[in-house]
Amino acid sequence: MLTDVKTWLETTGYKVAEERFLKPPAQPYIIFVDNTEVGGADNKNCIADRQISVELYSDKINNEAEQKIEGLLNGKVIHYSKVRAWIQTEMFFQTLYEFNLIEKL
């Protein structure tokens, strides 16, 4: 069964949505995107390669929130990349985590 990324990220205690919030909640909050490629061998789909992007939004650099997300990833030994950027037009920080989850179907 595929990992429920939303439920998993909700264990951080922050609001979480897939793709977007219609009305963003108070910061910090998390948005994630899950793009999946399914394949296999012998005419059978048996592997899901999920490219996951987790976006943390906050009005300041939020080390506590980042540590919670990184704790989840490190706890599952998931290799990830992290990039932080100031979004001038919105006046907040975006911390982006990107990783792949490869799962058997």
PDB file of N, CA and C in Angstrom:
ATOM      1  N   MET A   1       0.841  -1.182   0.000  1.00  0.00           N
ATOM      2  CA  MET A   1       0.000   0.000   0.000  1.00  0.00           C
ATOM      3  C   MET A   1       0.890   1.251   0.000  1.00  0.00           C
ATOM      4  N   LEU A   2       0.466   2.254  -0.716  1.00  0.00           N
ATOM      5  CA  LEU A   2       1.240   3.487  -0.804  1.00  0.00           C
ATOM      6  C   LEU A   2       1.180   4.257   0.507  1.00  0.00           C
ATOM      7  N   THR A   3       2.306   4.831   0.880  1.00  0.00           N
ATOM      8  CA  THR A   3       2.388   5.650   2.083  1.00  0.00           C
ATOM      9  C   THR A   3       1.455   6.850   1.941  1.00  0.00           C
ATOM     10  N   ASP A   4       0.670   7.122   2.966  1.00  0.00           N
ATOM     11  CA  ASP A   4      -0.193   8.298   2.985  1.00  0.00           C
ATOM     12  C   ASP A   4       0.642   9.491   3.454  1.00  0.00           C
ATOM     13  N   VAL A   5       1.152  10.242   2.496  1.00  0.00           N
ATOM     14  CA  VAL A   5       2.081  11.332   2.790  1.00  0.00           C
ATOM     15  C   VAL A   5       1.419  12.400   3.656  1.00  0.00           C
ATOM     16  N   LYS A   6       0.162  12.714   3.400  1.00  0.00           N
ATOM     17  CA  LYS A   6      -0.524  13.755   4.180  1.00  0.00           C
ATOM     18  C   LYS A   6      -0.589  13.363   5.655  1.00  0.00           C
ATOM     19  N   THR A   7      -1.039  12.156   5.947  1.00  0.00           N
ATOM     20  CA  THR A   7      -1.134  11.693   7.330  1.00  0.00           C
ATOM     21  C   THR A   7       0.239  11.680   7.993  1.00  0.00           C
ATOM     22  N   TRP A   8       1.233  11.242   7.245  1.00  0.00           N
ATOM     23  CA  TRP A   8       2.604  11.180   7.741  1.00  0.00           C
ATOM     24  C   TRP A   8       3.105  12.578   8.112  1.00  0.00           C
ATOM     25  N   LEU A   9       2.881  13.574   7.228  1.00  0.00           N
ATOM     26  CA  LEU A   9       3.333  14.939   7.496  1.00  0.00           C
ATOM     27  C   LEU A   9       2.530  15.599   8.615  1.00  0.00           C
ATOM     28  N   GLU A  10       1.287  15.213   8.791  1.00  0.00           N
ATOM     29  CA  GLU A  10       0.458  15.791   9.852  1.00  0.00           C
ATOM     30  C   GLU A  10       1.000  15.470  11.243  1.00  0.00           C
ATOM     31  N   THR A  11       1.828  14.450  11.356  1.00  0.00           N
ATOM     32  CA  THR A  11       2.412  14.131  12.662  1.00  0.00           C
ATOM     33  C   THR A  11       3.352  15.243  13.147  1.00  0.00           C
ATOM     34  N   THR A  12       3.708  16.189  12.270  1.00  0.00           N
ATOM     35  CA  THR A  12       4.513  17.342  12.682  1.00  0.00           C
ATOM     36  C   THR A  12       3.699  18.304  13.540  1.00  0.00           C
ATOM     37  N   GLY A  13       2.364  18.220  13.463  1.00  0.00           N
ATOM     38  CA  GLY A  13       1.499  19.136  14.194  1.00  0.00           C
ATOM     39  C   GLY A  13       1.123  20.383  13.408  1.00  0.00           C
ATOM     40  N   TYR A  14       1.607  20.484  12.168  1.00  0.00           N
ATOM     41  CA  TYR A  14       1.289  21.640  11.327  1.00  0.00           C
ATOM     42  C   TYR A  14       0.169  21.297  10.357  1.00  0.00           C
ATOM     43  N   LYS A  15      -0.509  22.322   9.852  1.00  0.00           N
ATOM     44  CA  LYS A  15      -1.537  22.124   8.825  1.00  0.00           C
ATOM     45  C   LYS A  15      -0.852  21.649   7.556  1.00  0.00           C
ATOM     46  N   VAL A  16      -1.471  20.663   6.872  1.00  0.00           N
ATOM     47  CA  VAL A  16      -0.891  20.058   5.676  1.00  0.00           C
ATOM     48  C   VAL A  16      -1.962  19.965   4.597  1.00  0.00           C
ATOM     49  N   ALA A  17      -1.589  20.277   3.357  1.00  0.00           N
ATOM     50  CA  ALA A  17      -2.497  20.115   2.214  1.00  0.00           C
ATOM     51  C   ALA A  17      -1.713  19.603   1.020  1.00  0.00           C
ATOM     52  N   GLU A  18      -2.407  18.852   0.171  1.00  0.00           N
ATOM     53  CA  GLU A  18      -1.809  18.418  -1.087  1.00  0.00           C
ATOM     54  C   GLU A  18      -2.078  19.485  -2.127  1.00  0.00           C
ATOM     55  N   GLU A  19      -1.047  19.928  -2.797  1.00  0.00           N
ATOM     56  CA  GLU A  19      -1.077  20.932  -3.870  1.00  0.00           C
ATOM     57  C   GLU A  19      -1.255  22.368  -3.369  1.00  0.00           C
ATOM     58  N   ARG A  20      -2.323  22.635  -2.556  1.00  0.00           N
ATOM     59  CA  ARG A  20      -2.558  24.019  -2.120  1.00  0.00           C
ATOM     60  C   ARG A  20      -3.666  24.074  -1.076  1.00  0.00           C
ATOM     61  N   PHE A  21      -3.701  25.174  -0.363  1.00  0.00           N
ATOM     62  CA  PHE A  21      -4.835  25.531   0.487  1.00  0.00           C
ATOM     63  C   PHE A  21      -5.656  26.552  -0.284  1.00  0.00           C
ATOM     64  N   LEU A  22      -6.970  26.457  -0.252  1.00  0.00           N
ATOM     65  CA  LEU A  22      -7.796  27.502  -0.870  1.00  0.00           C
ATOM     66  C   LEU A  22      -7.629  28.804  -0.097  1.00  0.00           C
ATOM     67  N   LYS A  23      -7.579  28.698   1.237  1.00  0.00           N
ATOM     68  CA  LYS A  23      -7.291  29.835   2.109  1.00  0.00           C
ATOM     69  C   LYS A  23      -6.160  29.393   3.021  1.00  0.00           C
ATOM     70  N   PRO A  24      -4.944  29.853   2.770  1.00  0.00           N
ATOM     71  CA  PRO A  24      -3.817  29.406   3.596  1.00  0.00           C
ATOM     72  C   PRO A  24      -4.044  29.691   5.081  1.00  0.00           C
ATOM     73  N   PRO A  25      -3.704  28.724   5.943  1.00  0.00           N
ATOM     74  CA  PRO A  25      -3.838  28.921   7.387  1.00  0.00           C
ATOM     75  C   PRO A  25      -2.688  29.790   7.912  1.00  0.00           C
ATOM     76  N   ALA A  26      -2.712  30.026   9.210  1.00  0.00           N
ATOM     77  CA  ALA A  26      -1.601  30.749   9.839  1.00  0.00           C
ATOM     78  C   ALA A  26      -0.312  29.944   9.636  1.00  0.00           C
ATOM     79  N   GLN A  27       0.781  30.655   9.459  1.00  0.00           N
ATOM     80  CA  GLN A  27       2.075  30.003   9.264  1.00  0.00           C
ATOM     81  C   GLN A  27       2.622  29.527  10.597  1.00  0.00           C
ATOM     82  N   PRO A  28       3.426  28.506  10.607  1.00  0.00           N
ATOM     83  CA  PRO A  28       3.899  27.733   9.464  1.00  0.00           C
ATOM     84  C   PRO A  28       2.870  26.695   9.021  1.00  0.00           C
ATOM     85  N   TYR A  29       2.933  26.365   7.740  1.00  0.00           N
ATOM     86  CA  TYR A  29       2.101  25.303   7.186  1.00  0.00           C
ATOM     87  C   TYR A  29       2.881  24.580   6.104  1.00  0.00           C
ATOM     88  N   ILE A  30       2.350  23.416   5.698  1.00  0.00           N
ATOM     89  CA  ILE A  30       3.053  22.538   4.756  1.00  0.00           C
ATOM     90  C   ILE A  30       2.158  22.234   3.563  1.00  0.00           C
ATOM     91  N   ILE A  31       2.752  22.315   2.389  1.00  0.00           N
ATOM     92  CA  ILE A  31       2.112  21.878   1.142  1.00  0.00           C
ATOM     93  C   ILE A  31       2.998  20.762   0.594  1.00  0.00           C
ATOM     94  N   PHE A  32       2.374  19.725   0.024  1.00  0.00           N
ATOM     95  CA  PHE A  32       3.186  18.698  -0.625  1.00  0.00           C
ATOM     96  C   PHE A  32       2.604  18.369  -1.989  1.00  0.00           C
ATOM     97  N   VAL A  33       3.486  17.909  -2.870  1.00  0.00           N
ATOM     98  CA  VAL A  33       3.118  17.467  -4.217  1.00  0.00           C
ATOM     99  C   VAL A  33       3.671  16.067  -4.390  1.00  0.00           C
ATOM    100  N   ASP A  34       2.838  15.170  -4.900  1.00  0.00           N
ATOM    101  CA  ASP A  34       3.204  13.759  -5.057  1.00  0.00           C
ATOM    102  C   ASP A  34       2.986  13.366  -6.516  1.00  0.00           C
ATOM    103  N   ASN A  35       4.083  13.234  -7.264  1.00  0.00           N
ATOM    104  CA  ASN A  35       4.029  12.779  -8.654  1.00  0.00           C
ATOM    105  C   ASN A  35       4.527  11.343  -8.698  1.00  0.00           C
ATOM    106  N   THR A  36       3.734  10.464  -9.309  1.00  0.00           N
ATOM    107  CA  THR A  36       4.044   9.042  -9.266  1.00  0.00           C
ATOM    108  C   THR A  36       4.223   8.461 -10.661  1.00  0.00           C
ATOM    109  N   GLU A  37       5.259   7.631 -10.787  1.00  0.00           N
ATOM    110  CA  GLU A  37       5.498   6.858 -12.011  1.00  0.00           C
ATOM    111  C   GLU A  37       5.431   5.388 -11.607  1.00  0.00           C
ATOM    112  N   VAL A  38       4.606   4.612 -12.316  1.00  0.00           N
ATOM    113  CA  VAL A  38       4.406   3.207 -11.977  1.00  0.00           C
ATOM    114  C   VAL A  38       4.942   2.340 -13.111  1.00  0.00           C
ATOM    115  N   GLY A  39       5.648   1.284 -12.747  1.00  0.00           N
ATOM    116  CA  GLY A  39       6.203   0.374 -13.746  1.00  0.00           C
ATOM    117  C   GLY A  39       6.489  -0.976 -13.132  1.00  0.00           C
ATOM    118  N   GLY A  40       7.198  -1.780 -13.865  1.00  0.00           N
ATOM    119  CA  GLY A  40       7.539  -3.100 -13.366  1.00  0.00           C
ATOM    120  C   GLY A  40       8.182  -3.937 -14.450  1.00  0.00           C
ATOM    121  N   ALA A  41       7.937  -5.220 -14.356  1.00  0.00           N
ATOM    122  CA  ALA A  41       8.505  -6.163 -15.322  1.00  0.00           C
ATOM    123  C   ALA A  41       7.502  -7.268 -15.580  1.00  0.00           C
ATOM    124  N   ASP A  42       7.764  -8.057 -16.620  1.00  0.00           N
ATOM    125  CA  ASP A  42       6.917  -9.197 -16.956  1.00  0.00           C
ATOM    126  C   ASP A  42       5.454  -8.797 -17.103  1.00  0.00           C
ATOM    127  N   ASN A  43       5.222  -7.659 -17.781  1.00  0.00           N
ATOM    128  CA  ASN A  43       3.867  -7.180 -18.061  1.00  0.00           C
ATOM    129  C   ASN A  43       3.036  -6.953 -16.810  1.00  0.00           C
ATOM    130  N   LYS A  44       3.686  -6.526 -15.742  1.00  0.00           N
ATOM    131  CA  LYS A  44       2.970  -6.277 -14.505  1.00  0.00           C
ATOM    132  C   LYS A  44       3.534  -5.018 -13.842  1.00  0.00           C
ATOM    133  N   ASN A  45       2.645  -4.112 -13.447  1.00  0.00           N
ATOM    134  CA  ASN A  45       3.065  -2.950 -12.681  1.00  0.00           C
ATOM    135  C   ASN A  45       3.207  -3.361 -11.222  1.00  0.00           C
ATOM    136  N   CYS A  46       4.414  -3.211 -10.695  1.00  0.00           N
ATOM    137  CA  CYS A  46       4.638  -3.646  -9.312  1.00  0.00           C
ATOM    138  C   CYS A  46       5.485  -2.675  -8.499  1.00  0.00           C
ATOM    139  N   ILE A  47       5.944  -1.577  -9.117  1.00  0.00           N
ATOM    140  CA  ILE A  47       6.785  -0.603  -8.421  1.00  0.00           C
ATOM    141  C   ILE A  47       6.223   0.800  -8.671  1.00  0.00           C
ATOM    142  N   ALA A  48       6.081   1.577  -7.600  1.00  0.00           N
ATOM    143  CA  ALA A  48       5.690   2.982  -7.710  1.00  0.00           C
ATOM    144  C   ALA A  48       6.885   3.827  -7.299  1.00  0.00           C
ATOM    145  N   ASP A  49       7.306   4.721  -8.175  1.00  0.00           N
ATOM    146  CA  ASP A  49       8.375   5.673  -7.889  1.00  0.00           C
ATOM    147  C   ASP A  49       7.707   7.028  -7.716  1.00  0.00           C
ATOM    148  N   ARG A  50       7.660   7.477  -6.471  1.00  0.00           N
ATOM    149  CA  ARG A  50       6.951   8.711  -6.138  1.00  0.00           C
ATOM    150  C   ARG A  50       7.946   9.837  -5.906  1.00  0.00           C
ATOM    151  N   GLN A  51       7.834  10.891  -6.695  1.00  0.00           N
ATOM    152  CA  GLN A  51       8.658  12.087  -6.521  1.00  0.00           C
ATOM    153  C   GLN A  51       7.861  13.039  -5.640  1.00  0.00           C
ATOM    154  N   ILE A  52       8.343  13.249  -4.417  1.00  0.00           N
ATOM    155  CA  ILE A  52       7.622  14.038  -3.432  1.00  0.00           C
ATOM    156  C   ILE A  52       8.335  15.371  -3.209  1.00  0.00           C
ATOM    157  N   SER A  53       7.559  16.443  -3.199  1.00  0.00           N
ATOM    158  CA  SER A  53       8.056  17.770  -2.825  1.00  0.00           C
ATOM    159  C   SER A  53       7.262  18.212  -1.607  1.00  0.00           C
ATOM    160  N   VAL A  54       7.964  18.598  -0.557  1.00  0.00           N
ATOM    161  CA  VAL A  54       7.344  19.106   0.669  1.00  0.00           C
ATOM    162  C   VAL A  54       7.792  20.557   0.815  1.00  0.00           C
ATOM    163  N   GLU A  55       6.820  21.461   0.910  1.00  0.00           N
ATOM    164  CA  GLU A  55       7.105  22.887   0.999  1.00  0.00           C
ATOM    165  C   GLU A  55       6.630  23.407   2.358  1.00  0.00           C
ATOM    166  N   LEU A  56       7.551  23.924   3.133  1.00  0.00           N
ATOM    167  CA  LEU A  56       7.239  24.535   4.423  1.00  0.00           C
ATOM    168  C   LEU A  56       7.218  26.047   4.227  1.00  0.00           C
ATOM    169  N   TYR A  57       6.141  26.686   4.639  1.00  0.00           N
ATOM    170  CA  TYR A  57       6.013  28.138   4.534  1.00  0.00           C
ATOM    171  C   TYR A  57       5.961  28.750   5.926  1.00  0.00           C
ATOM    172  N   SER A  58       6.799  29.777   6.158  1.00  0.00           N
ATOM    173  CA  SER A  58       6.805  30.468   7.440  1.00  0.00           C
ATOM    174  C   SER A  58       7.316  31.899   7.254  1.00  0.00           C
ATOM    175  N   ASP A  59       6.907  32.771   8.175  1.00  0.00           N
ATOM    176  CA  ASP A  59       7.292  34.179   8.055  1.00  0.00           C
ATOM    177  C   ASP A  59       8.721  34.451   8.515  1.00  0.00           C
ATOM    178  N   LYS A  60       9.342  33.440   9.147  1.00  0.00           N
ATOM    179  CA  LYS A  60      10.746  33.543   9.562  1.00  0.00           C
ATOM    180  C   LYS A  60      11.374  32.164   9.357  1.00  0.00           C
ATOM    181  N   ILE A  61      12.684  32.102   9.414  1.00  0.00           N
ATOM    182  CA  ILE A  61      13.330  30.793   9.344  1.00  0.00           C
ATOM    183  C   ILE A  61      12.898  30.030  10.592  1.00  0.00           C
ATOM    184  N   ASN A  62      12.235  28.908  10.386  1.00  0.00           N
ATOM    185  CA  ASN A  62      11.622  28.172  11.484  1.00  0.00           C
ATOM    186  C   ASN A  62      12.368  26.855  11.695  1.00  0.00           C
ATOM    187  N   ASN A  63      13.413  26.918  12.513  1.00  0.00           N
ATOM    188  CA  ASN A  63      14.239  25.730  12.755  1.00  0.00           C
ATOM    189  C   ASN A  63      13.449  24.599  13.390  1.00  0.00           C
ATOM    190  N   GLU A  64      12.509  24.913  14.267  1.00  0.00           N
ATOM    191  CA  GLU A  64      11.707  23.873  14.920  1.00  0.00           C
ATOM    192  C   GLU A  64      10.888  23.090  13.896  1.00  0.00           C
ATOM    193  N   ALA A  65      10.215  23.798  12.995  1.00  0.00           N
ATOM    194  CA  ALA A  65       9.413  23.133  11.964  1.00  0.00           C
ATOM    195  C   ALA A  65      10.303  22.323  11.023  1.00  0.00           C
ATOM    196  N   GLU A  66      11.438  22.888  10.642  1.00  0.00           N
ATOM    197  CA  GLU A  66      12.367  22.173   9.768  1.00  0.00           C
ATOM    198  C   GLU A  66      12.872  20.905  10.448  1.00  0.00           C
ATOM    199  N   GLN A  67      13.180  20.984  11.733  1.00  0.00           N
ATOM    200  CA  GLN A  67      13.659  19.802  12.458  1.00  0.00           C
ATOM    201  C   GLN A  67      12.600  18.712  12.529  1.00  0.00           C
ATOM    202  N   LYS A  68      11.329  19.092  12.634  1.00  0.00           N
ATOM    203  CA  LYS A  68      10.258  18.094  12.655  1.00  0.00           C
ATOM    204  C   LYS A  68      10.175  17.357  11.320  1.00  0.00           C
ATOM    205  N   ILE A  69      10.237  18.093  10.225  1.00  0.00           N
ATOM    206  CA  ILE A  69      10.190  17.466   8.898  1.00  0.00           C
ATOM    207  C   ILE A  69      11.432  16.605   8.692  1.00  0.00           C
ATOM    208  N   GLU A  70      12.596  17.139   9.019  1.00  0.00           N
ATOM    209  CA  GLU A  70      13.838  16.390   8.852  1.00  0.00           C
ATOM    210  C   GLU A  70      13.869  15.161   9.755  1.00  0.00           C
ATOM    211  N   GLY A  71      13.270  15.251  10.926  1.00  0.00           N
ATOM    212  CA  GLY A  71      13.172  14.097  11.807  1.00  0.00           C
ATOM    213  C   GLY A  71      12.362  12.970  11.178  1.00  0.00           C
ATOM    214  N   LEU A  72      11.262  13.330  10.494  1.00  0.00           N
ATOM    215  CA  LEU A  72      10.469  12.316   9.779  1.00  0.00           C
ATOM    216  C   LEU A  72      11.300  11.643   8.692  1.00  0.00           C
ATOM    217  N   LEU A  73      11.981  12.465   7.896  1.00  0.00           N
ATOM    218  CA  LEU A  73      12.777  11.928   6.786  1.00  0.00           C
ATOM    219  C   LEU A  73      13.951  11.097   7.297  1.00  0.00           C
ATOM    220  N   ASN A  74      14.644  11.588   8.302  1.00  0.00           N
ATOM    221  CA  ASN A  74      15.784  10.862   8.859  1.00  0.00           C
ATOM    222  C   ASN A  74      15.336   9.579   9.547  1.00  0.00           C
ATOM    223  N   GLY A  75      14.174   9.619  10.185  1.00  0.00           N
ATOM    224  CA  GLY A  75      13.647   8.439  10.861  1.00  0.00           C
ATOM    225  C   GLY A  75      13.348   7.291   9.907  1.00  0.00           C
ATOM    226  N   LYS A  76      12.989   7.632   8.670  1.00  0.00           N
ATOM    227  CA  LYS A  76      12.717   6.618   7.654  1.00  0.00           C
ATOM    228  C   LYS A  76      13.906   6.429   6.718  1.00  0.00           C
ATOM    229  N   VAL A  77      15.038   7.074   7.032  1.00  0.00           N
ATOM    230  CA  VAL A  77      16.269   6.999   6.242  1.00  0.00           C
ATOM    231  C   VAL A  77      15.979   7.328   4.769  1.00  0.00           C
ATOM    232  N   ILE A  78      15.333   8.462   4.576  1.00  0.00           N
ATOM    233  CA  ILE A  78      15.015   8.941   3.227  1.00  0.00           C
ATOM    234  C   ILE A  78      16.041   9.999   2.842  1.00  0.00           C
ATOM    235  N   HIS A  79      16.720   9.771   1.727  1.00  0.00           N
ATOM    236  CA  HIS A  79      17.677  10.744   1.200  1.00  0.00           C
ATOM    237  C   HIS A  79      16.876  11.900   0.613  1.00  0.00           C
ATOM    238  N   TYR A  80      17.216  13.120   0.979  1.00  0.00           N
ATOM    239  CA  TYR A  80      16.450  14.275   0.513  1.00  0.00           C
ATOM    240  C   TYR A  80      17.366  15.450   0.217  1.00  0.00           C
ATOM    241  N   SER A  81      16.830  16.393  -0.549  1.00  0.00           N
ATOM    242  CA  SER A  81      17.522  17.669  -0.746  1.00  0.00           C
ATOM    243  C   SER A  81      16.668  18.750  -0.087  1.00  0.00           C
ATOM    244  N   LYS A  82      17.345  19.808   0.372  1.00  0.00           N
ATOM    245  CA  LYS A  82      16.671  20.910   1.067  1.00  0.00           C
ATOM    246  C   LYS A  82      17.149  22.222   0.476  1.00  0.00           C
ATOM    247  N   VAL A  83      16.198  23.091   0.155  1.00  0.00           N
ATOM    248  CA  VAL A  83      16.515  24.420  -0.360  1.00  0.00           C
ATOM    249  C   VAL A  83      15.586  25.413   0.337  1.00  0.00           C
ATOM    250  N   ARG A  84      16.150  26.517   0.808  1.00  0.00           N
ATOM    251  CA  ARG A  84      15.342  27.555   1.456  1.00  0.00           C
ATOM    252  C   ARG A  84      15.430  28.823   0.618  1.00  0.00           C
ATOM    253  N   ALA A  85      14.286  29.502   0.464  1.00  0.00           N
ATOM    254  CA  ALA A  85      14.259  30.742  -0.312  1.00  0.00           C
ATOM    255  C   ALA A  85      13.303  31.740   0.330  1.00  0.00           C
ATOM    256  N   TRP A  86      13.643  33.001   0.218  1.00  0.00           N
ATOM    257  CA  TRP A  86      12.760  34.087   0.638  1.00  0.00           C
ATOM    258  C   TRP A  86      11.891  34.451  -0.559  1.00  0.00           C
ATOM    259  N   ILE A  87      10.582  34.425  -0.375  1.00  0.00           N
ATOM    260  CA  ILE A  87       9.643  34.779  -1.451  1.00  0.00           C
ATOM    261  C   ILE A  87       9.235  36.232  -1.209  1.00  0.00           C
ATOM    262  N   GLN A  88       9.905  37.135  -1.896  1.00  0.00           N
ATOM    263  CA  GLN A  88       9.726  38.572  -1.663  1.00  0.00           C
ATOM    264  C   GLN A  88       8.286  39.025  -1.888  1.00  0.00           C
ATOM    265  N   THR A  89       7.641  38.552  -2.940  1.00  0.00           N
ATOM    266  CA  THR A  89       6.278  38.997  -3.259  1.00  0.00           C
ATOM    267  C   THR A  89       5.271  38.590  -2.191  1.00  0.00           C
ATOM    268  N   GLU A  90       5.541  37.505  -1.490  1.00  0.00           N
ATOM    269  CA  GLU A  90       4.626  37.021  -0.447  1.00  0.00           C
ATOM    270  C   GLU A  90       5.117  37.351   0.955  1.00  0.00           C
ATOM    271  N   MET A  91       6.386  37.751   1.062  1.00  0.00           N
ATOM    272  CA  MET A  91       7.000  38.118   2.336  1.00  0.00           C
ATOM    273  C   MET A  91       7.062  36.948   3.322  1.00  0.00           C
ATOM    274  N   PHE A  92       7.486  35.773   2.814  1.00  0.00           N
ATOM    275  CA  PHE A  92       7.720  34.636   3.700  1.00  0.00           C
ATOM    276  C   PHE A  92       8.790  33.735   3.118  1.00  0.00           C
ATOM    277  N   PHE A  93       9.249  32.800   3.966  1.00  0.00           N
ATOM    278  CA  PHE A  93      10.245  31.817   3.556  1.00  0.00           C
ATOM    279  C   PHE A  93       9.563  30.547   3.069  1.00  0.00           C
ATOM    280  N   GLN A  94      10.170  29.946   2.077  1.00  0.00           N
ATOM    281  CA  GLN A  94       9.770  28.611   1.622  1.00  0.00           C
ATOM    282  C   GLN A  94      10.982  27.707   1.804  1.00  0.00           C
ATOM    283  N   THR A  95      10.786  26.623   2.547  1.00  0.00           N
ATOM    284  CA  THR A  95      11.820  25.607   2.673  1.00  0.00           C
ATOM    285  C   THR A  95      11.297  24.388   1.929  1.00  0.00           C
ATOM    286  N   LEU A  96      12.032  23.971   0.909  1.00  0.00           N
ATOM    287  CA  LEU A  96      11.608  22.895   0.018  1.00  0.00           C
ATOM    288  C   LEU A  96      12.447  21.646   0.268  1.00  0.00           C
ATOM    289  N   TYR A  97      11.750  20.533   0.472  1.00  0.00           N
ATOM    290  CA  TYR A  97      12.384  19.212   0.609  1.00  0.00           C
ATOM    291  C   TYR A  97      11.922  18.377  -0.577  1.00  0.00           C
ATOM    292  N   GLU A  98      12.866  17.753  -1.261  1.00  0.00           N
ATOM    293  CA  GLU A  98      12.528  16.871  -2.384  1.00  0.00           C
ATOM    294  C   GLU A  98      13.160  15.514  -2.159  1.00  0.00           C
ATOM    295  N   PHE A  99      12.368  14.464  -2.425  1.00  0.00           N
ATOM    296  CA  PHE A  99      12.852  13.092  -2.250  1.00  0.00           C
ATOM    297  C   PHE A  99      11.977  12.146  -3.054  1.00  0.00           C
ATOM    298  N   ASN A 100      12.473  10.922  -3.217  1.00  0.00           N
ATOM    299  CA  ASN A 100      11.725   9.867  -3.890  1.00  0.00           C
ATOM    300  C   ASN A 100      11.373   8.781  -2.889  1.00  0.00           C
ATOM    301  N   LEU A 101      10.175   8.250  -3.021  1.00  0.00           N
ATOM    302  CA  LEU A 101       9.767   7.042  -2.293  1.00  0.00           C
ATOM    303  C   LEU A 101       9.522   5.966  -3.327  1.00  0.00           C
ATOM    304  N   ILE A 102      10.209   4.856  -3.211  1.00  0.00           N
ATOM    305  CA  ILE A 102      10.004   3.732  -4.127  1.00  0.00           C
ATOM    306  C   ILE A 102       9.311   2.647  -3.337  1.00  0.00           C
ATOM    307  N   GLU A 103       8.124   2.270  -3.803  1.00  0.00           N
ATOM    308  CA  GLU A 103       7.289   1.331  -3.052  1.00  0.00           C
ATOM    309  C   GLU A 103       6.808   0.188  -3.938  1.00  0.00           C
ATOM    310  N   LYS A 104       6.720  -0.982  -3.362  1.00  0.00           N
ATOM    311  CA  LYS A 104       6.139  -2.135  -4.055  1.00  0.00           C
ATOM    312  C   LYS A 104       4.624  -2.029  -4.000  1.00  0.00           C
ATOM    313  N   LEU A 105       3.993  -2.362  -5.108  1.00  0.00           N
ATOM    314  CA  LEU A 105       2.530  -2.354  -5.161  1.00  0.00           C
ATOM    315  C   LEU A 105       1.984  -3.714  -4.802  1.00  0.00           C
TER     316      LEU A 105
END
